[in-house]
Amino acid sequence: MTLYSAPGLLRRSEWWPALSLSAGAVVGVVSVLALGQGRRYWVAASAIALVGAAAPLANRLWGRHHPI
């Protein structure tokens, strides 16, 4: 679902729709850490958190210059 919606969310002139990807990342981090606390879970949760934090930033820096 994220792969389908991400290009449309990141190519808008407004940045706030990309926050839905960040909200999804929060849910993803909680879900991964609920599965376990091992090293691989922390690595996966960190990757999800980085992508979720990067979505609004990418939209502000790139999406405004390439709007739909």
PDB file of N, CA and C in Angstrom:
ATOM      1  N   MET A   1       0.824  -1.186   0.000  1.00  0.00           N
ATOM      2  CA  MET A   1       0.000   0.000   0.000  1.00  0.00           C
ATOM      3  C   MET A   1       0.871   1.254   0.000  1.00  0.00           C
ATOM      4  N   THR A   2       1.931   1.238   0.785  1.00  0.00           N
ATOM      5  CA  THR A   2       2.803   2.410   0.856  1.00  0.00           C
ATOM      6  C   THR A   2       3.491   2.657  -0.474  1.00  0.00           C
ATOM      7  N   LEU A   3       3.941   1.597  -1.148  1.00  0.00           N
ATOM      8  CA  LEU A   3       4.604   1.770  -2.437  1.00  0.00           C
ATOM      9  C   LEU A   3       3.657   2.362  -3.470  1.00  0.00           C
ATOM     10  N   TYR A   4       2.379   2.061  -3.366  1.00  0.00           N
ATOM     11  CA  TYR A   4       1.397   2.599  -4.300  1.00  0.00           C
ATOM     12  C   TYR A   4       1.095   4.062  -4.008  1.00  0.00           C
ATOM     13  N   SER A   5       0.994   4.432  -2.749  1.00  0.00           N
ATOM     14  CA  SER A   5       0.573   5.787  -2.391  1.00  0.00           C
ATOM     15  C   SER A   5       1.716   6.782  -2.258  1.00  0.00           C
ATOM     16  N   ALA A   6       2.928   6.313  -2.029  1.00  0.00           N
ATOM     17  CA  ALA A   6       4.058   7.219  -1.775  1.00  0.00           C
ATOM     18  C   ALA A   6       4.342   8.187  -2.915  1.00  0.00           C
ATOM     19  N   PRO A   7       4.387   7.752  -4.177  1.00  0.00           N
ATOM     20  CA  PRO A   7       4.693   8.725  -5.233  1.00  0.00           C
ATOM     21  C   PRO A   7       3.669   9.856  -5.314  1.00  0.00           C
ATOM     22  N   GLY A   8       2.411   9.568  -5.145  1.00  0.00           N
ATOM     23  CA  GLY A   8       1.393  10.607  -5.184  1.00  0.00           C
ATOM     24  C   GLY A   8       1.459  11.543  -3.995  1.00  0.00           C
ATOM     25  N   LEU A   9       1.827  11.007  -2.845  1.00  0.00           N
ATOM     26  CA  LEU A   9       1.923  11.852  -1.653  1.00  0.00           C
ATOM     27  C   LEU A   9       3.158  12.740  -1.683  1.00  0.00           C
ATOM     28  N   LEU A  10       4.226  12.247  -2.276  1.00  0.00           N
ATOM     29  CA  LEU A  10       5.475  12.995  -2.265  1.00  0.00           C
ATOM     30  C   LEU A  10       5.572  14.010  -3.405  1.00  0.00           C
ATOM     31  N   ARG A  11       4.657  13.982  -4.351  1.00  0.00           N
ATOM     32  CA  ARG A  11       4.724  14.915  -5.468  1.00  0.00           C
ATOM     33  C   ARG A  11       3.606  15.945  -5.404  1.00  0.00           C
ATOM     34  N   ARG A  12       3.225  16.353  -4.251  1.00  0.00           N
ATOM     35  CA  ARG A  12       2.204  17.384  -4.073  1.00  0.00           C
ATOM     36  C   ARG A  12       2.866  18.679  -3.628  1.00  0.00           C
ATOM     37  N   SER A  13       2.193  19.785  -3.899  1.00  0.00           N
ATOM     38  CA  SER A  13       2.766  21.070  -3.487  1.00  0.00           C
ATOM     39  C   SER A  13       2.637  21.268  -1.980  1.00  0.00           C
ATOM     40  N   GLU A  14       1.680  20.613  -1.332  1.00  0.00           N
ATOM     41  CA  GLU A  14       1.553  20.681   0.120  1.00  0.00           C
ATOM     42  C   GLU A  14       2.371  19.548   0.735  1.00  0.00           C
ATOM     43  N   TRP A  15       2.946  19.803   1.889  1.00  0.00           N
ATOM     44  CA  TRP A  15       3.792  18.791   2.524  1.00  0.00           C
ATOM     45  C   TRP A  15       3.038  17.943   3.525  1.00  0.00           C
ATOM     46  N   TRP A  16       1.921  18.428   4.070  1.00  0.00           N
ATOM     47  CA  TRP A  16       1.265  17.725   5.166  1.00  0.00           C
ATOM     48  C   TRP A  16       0.654  16.377   4.781  1.00  0.00           C
ATOM     49  N   PRO A  17       0.250  16.081   3.523  1.00  0.00           N
ATOM     50  CA  PRO A  17      -0.237  14.722   3.257  1.00  0.00           C
ATOM     51  C   PRO A  17       0.823  13.639   3.473  1.00  0.00           C
ATOM     52  N   ALA A  18       2.100  14.016   3.387  1.00  0.00           N
ATOM     53  CA  ALA A  18       3.165  13.027   3.616  1.00  0.00           C
ATOM     54  C   ALA A  18       3.232  12.604   5.078  1.00  0.00           C
ATOM     55  N   LEU A  19       2.576  13.335   5.958  1.00  0.00           N
ATOM     56  CA  LEU A  19       2.557  12.932   7.368  1.00  0.00           C
ATOM     57  C   LEU A  19       1.816  11.618   7.578  1.00  0.00           C
ATOM     58  N   SER A  20       0.951  11.238   6.619  1.00  0.00           N
ATOM     59  CA  SER A  20       0.272   9.949   6.748  1.00  0.00           C
ATOM     60  C   SER A  20       1.282   8.805   6.655  1.00  0.00           C
ATOM     61  N   LEU A  21       2.333   8.986   5.843  1.00  0.00           N
ATOM     62  CA  LEU A  21       3.385   7.976   5.803  1.00  0.00           C
ATOM     63  C   LEU A  21       4.137   7.922   7.125  1.00  0.00           C
ATOM     64  N   SER A  22       4.321   9.073   7.758  1.00  0.00           N
ATOM     65  CA  SER A  22       4.982   9.105   9.061  1.00  0.00           C
ATOM     66  C   SER A  22       4.127   8.430  10.125  1.00  0.00           C
ATOM     67  N   ALA A  23       2.827   8.660  10.065  1.00  0.00           N
ATOM     68  CA  ALA A  23       1.926   8.009  11.024  1.00  0.00           C
ATOM     69  C   ALA A  23       1.941   6.494  10.822  1.00  0.00           C
ATOM     70  N   GLY A  24       1.979   6.059   9.570  1.00  0.00           N
ATOM     71  CA  GLY A  24       2.085   4.634   9.290  1.00  0.00           C
ATOM     72  C   GLY A  24       3.394   4.052   9.782  1.00  0.00           C
ATOM     73  N   ALA A  25       4.450   4.849   9.708  1.00  0.00           N
ATOM     74  CA  ALA A  25       5.752   4.388  10.198  1.00  0.00           C
ATOM     75  C   ALA A  25       5.731   4.191  11.708  1.00  0.00           C
ATOM     76  N   VAL A  26       5.039   5.056  12.409  1.00  0.00           N
ATOM     77  CA  VAL A  26       4.927   4.901  13.871  1.00  0.00           C
ATOM     78  C   VAL A  26       4.233   3.585  14.197  1.00  0.00           C
ATOM     79  N   VAL A  27       3.166   3.299  13.486  1.00  0.00           N
ATOM     80  CA  VAL A  27       2.457   2.033  13.700  1.00  0.00           C
ATOM     81  C   VAL A  27       3.362   0.861  13.343  1.00  0.00           C
ATOM     82  N   GLY A  28       4.138   1.003  12.273  1.00  0.00           N
ATOM     83  CA  GLY A  28       5.064  -0.054  11.880  1.00  0.00           C
ATOM     84  C   GLY A  28       6.144  -0.305  12.915  1.00  0.00           C
ATOM     85  N   VAL A  29       6.691   0.762  13.475  1.00  0.00           N
ATOM     86  CA  VAL A  29       7.722   0.617  14.507  1.00  0.00           C
ATOM     87  C   VAL A  29       7.160  -0.096  15.731  1.00  0.00           C
ATOM     88  N   VAL A  30       5.984   0.303  16.161  1.00  0.00           N
ATOM     89  CA  VAL A  30       5.353  -0.342  17.323  1.00  0.00           C
ATOM     90  C   VAL A  30       5.085  -1.818  17.031  1.00  0.00           C
ATOM     91  N   SER A  31       4.627  -2.114  15.816  1.00  0.00           N
ATOM     92  CA  SER A  31       4.332  -3.501  15.453  1.00  0.00           C
ATOM     93  C   SER A  31       5.587  -4.361  15.434  1.00  0.00           C
ATOM     94  N   VAL A  32       6.657  -3.825  14.860  1.00  0.00           N
ATOM     95  CA  VAL A  32       7.902  -4.594  14.794  1.00  0.00           C
ATOM     96  C   VAL A  32       8.454  -4.849  16.189  1.00  0.00           C
ATOM     97  N   LEU A  33       8.450  -3.826  17.029  1.00  0.00           N
ATOM     98  CA  LEU A  33       8.982  -4.006  18.377  1.00  0.00           C
ATOM     99  C   LEU A  33       8.075  -4.865  19.253  1.00  0.00           C
ATOM    100  N   ALA A  34       6.803  -4.978  18.893  1.00  0.00           N
ATOM    101  CA  ALA A  34       5.910  -5.878  19.622  1.00  0.00           C
ATOM    102  C   ALA A  34       6.226  -7.337  19.298  1.00  0.00           C
ATOM    103  N   LEU A  35       6.810  -7.566  18.121  1.00  0.00           N
ATOM    104  CA  LEU A  35       7.175  -8.927  17.740  1.00  0.00           C
ATOM    105  C   LEU A  35       8.386  -9.437  18.502  1.00  0.00           C
ATOM    106  N   GLY A  36       9.283  -8.541  18.848  1.00  0.00           N
ATOM    107  CA  GLY A  36      10.477  -8.960  19.572  1.00  0.00           C
ATOM    108  C   GLY A  36      11.387  -7.786  19.850  1.00  0.00           C
ATOM    109  N   GLN A  37      12.410  -8.054  20.658  1.00  0.00           N
ATOM    110  CA  GLN A  37      13.346  -7.010  21.059  1.00  0.00           C
ATOM    111  C   GLN A  37      14.770  -7.322  20.629  1.00  0.00           C
ATOM    112  N   GLY A  38      14.923  -8.278  19.737  1.00  0.00           N
ATOM    113  CA  GLY A  38      16.261  -8.647  19.269  1.00  0.00           C
ATOM    114  C   GLY A  38      16.855  -7.579  18.363  1.00  0.00           C
ATOM    115  N   ARG A  39      18.104  -7.828  18.001  1.00  0.00           N
ATOM    116  CA  ARG A  39      18.826  -6.843  17.183  1.00  0.00           C
ATOM    117  C   ARG A  39      18.145  -6.615  15.840  1.00  0.00           C
ATOM    118  N   ARG A  40      17.684  -7.674  15.184  1.00  0.00           N
ATOM    119  CA  ARG A  40      17.059  -7.526  13.874  1.00  0.00           C
ATOM    120  C   ARG A  40      15.768  -6.710  13.945  1.00  0.00           C
ATOM    121  N   TYR A  41      15.058  -6.799  15.046  1.00  0.00           N
ATOM    122  CA  TYR A  41      13.839  -6.016  15.203  1.00  0.00           C
ATOM    123  C   TYR A  41      14.159  -4.533  15.365  1.00  0.00           C
ATOM    124  N   TRP A  42      15.212  -4.235  16.119  1.00  0.00           N
ATOM    125  CA  TRP A  42      15.617  -2.843  16.290  1.00  0.00           C
ATOM    126  C   TRP A  42      16.132  -2.246  14.988  1.00  0.00           C
ATOM    127  N   VAL A  43      16.827  -3.049  14.186  1.00  0.00           N
ATOM    128  CA  VAL A  43      17.306  -2.573  12.877  1.00  0.00           C
ATOM    129  C   VAL A  43      16.120  -2.284  11.962  1.00  0.00           C
ATOM    130  N   ALA A  44      15.147  -3.195  11.936  1.00  0.00           N
ATOM    131  CA  ALA A  44      13.957  -2.986  11.110  1.00  0.00           C
ATOM    132  C   ALA A  44      13.169  -1.774  11.584  1.00  0.00           C
ATOM    133  N   ALA A  45      13.018  -1.622  12.889  1.00  0.00           N
ATOM    134  CA  ALA A  45      12.276  -0.474  13.429  1.00  0.00           C
ATOM    135  C   ALA A  45      13.001   0.833  13.113  1.00  0.00           C
ATOM    136  N   SER A  46      14.323   0.820  13.164  1.00  0.00           N
ATOM    137  CA  SER A  46      15.094   2.020  12.829  1.00  0.00           C
ATOM    138  C   SER A  46      14.932   2.389  11.362  1.00  0.00           C
ATOM    139  N   ALA A  47      14.951   1.391  10.493  1.00  0.00           N
ATOM    140  CA  ALA A  47      14.766   1.657   9.061  1.00  0.00           C
ATOM    141  C   ALA A  47      13.382   2.225   8.787  1.00  0.00           C
ATOM    142  N   ILE A  48      12.375   1.672   9.421  1.00  0.00           N
ATOM    143  CA  ILE A  48      11.011   2.174   9.244  1.00  0.00           C
ATOM    144  C   ILE A  48      10.909   3.604   9.755  1.00  0.00           C
ATOM    145  N   ALA A  49      11.504   3.876  10.898  1.00  0.00           N
ATOM    146  CA  ALA A  49      11.456   5.224  11.471  1.00  0.00           C
ATOM    147  C   ALA A  49      12.171   6.238  10.574  1.00  0.00           C
ATOM    148  N   LEU A  50      13.301   5.849   9.998  1.00  0.00           N
ATOM    149  CA  LEU A  50      14.026   6.761   9.105  1.00  0.00           C
ATOM    150  C   LEU A  50      13.221   7.086   7.851  1.00  0.00           C
ATOM    151  N   VAL A  51      12.580   6.091   7.283  1.00  0.00           N
ATOM    152  CA  VAL A  51      11.749   6.330   6.100  1.00  0.00           C
ATOM    153  C   VAL A  51      10.556   7.212   6.462  1.00  0.00           C
ATOM    154  N   GLY A  52       9.956   6.961   7.618  1.00  0.00           N
ATOM    155  CA  GLY A  52       8.824   7.776   8.046  1.00  0.00           C
ATOM    156  C   GLY A  52       9.209   9.219   8.310  1.00  0.00           C
ATOM    157  N   ALA A  53      10.392   9.440   8.841  1.00  0.00           N
ATOM    158  CA  ALA A  53      10.851  10.811   9.090  1.00  0.00           C
ATOM    159  C   ALA A  53      11.269  11.496   7.791  1.00  0.00           C
ATOM    160  N   ALA A  54      11.762  10.727   6.840  1.00  0.00           N
ATOM    161  CA  ALA A  54      12.245  11.308   5.590  1.00  0.00           C
ATOM    162  C   ALA A  54      11.113  11.697   4.642  1.00  0.00           C
ATOM    163  N   ALA A  55       9.944  11.100   4.779  1.00  0.00           N
ATOM    164  CA  ALA A  55       8.851  11.365   3.834  1.00  0.00           C
ATOM    165  C   ALA A  55       8.441  12.835   3.802  1.00  0.00           C
ATOM    166  N   PRO A  56       8.125  13.479   4.935  1.00  0.00           N
ATOM    167  CA  PRO A  56       7.751  14.899   4.860  1.00  0.00           C
ATOM    168  C   PRO A  56       8.918  15.790   4.424  1.00  0.00           C
ATOM    169  N   LEU A  57      10.129  15.417   4.820  1.00  0.00           N
ATOM    170  CA  LEU A  57      11.292  16.206   4.415  1.00  0.00           C
ATOM    171  C   LEU A  57      11.518  16.109   2.908  1.00  0.00           C
ATOM    172  N   ALA A  58      11.375  14.906   2.360  1.00  0.00           N
ATOM    173  CA  ALA A  58      11.523  14.736   0.917  1.00  0.00           C
ATOM    174  C   ALA A  58      10.455  15.516   0.174  1.00  0.00           C
ATOM    175  N   ASN A  59       9.254  15.552   0.725  1.00  0.00           N
ATOM    176  CA  ASN A  59       8.185  16.298   0.076  1.00  0.00           C
ATOM    177  C   ASN A  59       8.478  17.787   0.097  1.00  0.00           C
ATOM    178  N   ARG A  60       8.967  18.295   1.202  1.00  0.00           N
ATOM    179  CA  ARG A  60       9.270  19.731   1.289  1.00  0.00           C
ATOM    180  C   ARG A  60      10.414  20.124   0.371  1.00  0.00           C
ATOM    181  N   LEU A  61      11.415  19.254   0.254  1.00  0.00           N
ATOM    182  CA  LEU A  61      12.582  19.597  -0.546  1.00  0.00           C
ATOM    183  C   LEU A  61      12.422  19.270  -2.028  1.00  0.00           C
ATOM    184  N   TRP A  62      11.721  18.164  -2.350  1.00  0.00           N
ATOM    185  CA  TRP A  62      11.624  17.716  -3.724  1.00  0.00           C
ATOM    186  C   TRP A  62      10.220  17.874  -4.295  1.00  0.00           C
ATOM    187  N   GLY A  63       9.212  17.580  -3.492  1.00  0.00           N
ATOM    188  CA  GLY A  63       7.839  17.565  -3.988  1.00  0.00           C
ATOM    189  C   GLY A  63       7.328  18.920  -4.427  1.00  0.00           C
ATOM    190  N   ARG A  64       7.728  19.982  -3.780  1.00  0.00           N
ATOM    191  CA  ARG A  64       7.270  21.318  -4.161  1.00  0.00           C
ATOM    192  C   ARG A  64       7.807  21.748  -5.517  1.00  0.00           C
ATOM    193  N   HIS A  65       8.965  21.234  -5.869  1.00  0.00           N
ATOM    194  CA  HIS A  65       9.565  21.598  -7.147  1.00  0.00           C
ATOM    195  C   HIS A  65       9.052  20.720  -8.293  1.00  0.00           C
ATOM    196  N   HIS A  66       8.424  19.611  -7.961  1.00  0.00           N
ATOM    197  CA  HIS A  66       7.901  18.678  -8.963  1.00  0.00           C
ATOM    198  C   HIS A  66       6.455  18.312  -8.625  1.00  0.00           C
ATOM    199  N   PRO A  67       5.544  19.283  -8.499  1.00  0.00           N
ATOM    200  CA  PRO A  67       4.175  18.937  -8.111  1.00  0.00           C
ATOM    201  C   PRO A  67       3.416  18.231  -9.229  1.00  0.00           C
ATOM    202  N   ILE A  68       2.367  17.559  -8.813  1.00  0.00           N
ATOM    203  CA  ILE A  68       1.503  16.880  -9.798  1.00  0.00           C
ATOM    204  C   ILE A  68       0.673  17.929 -10.507  1.00  0.00           C
TER     205      ILE A  68
END
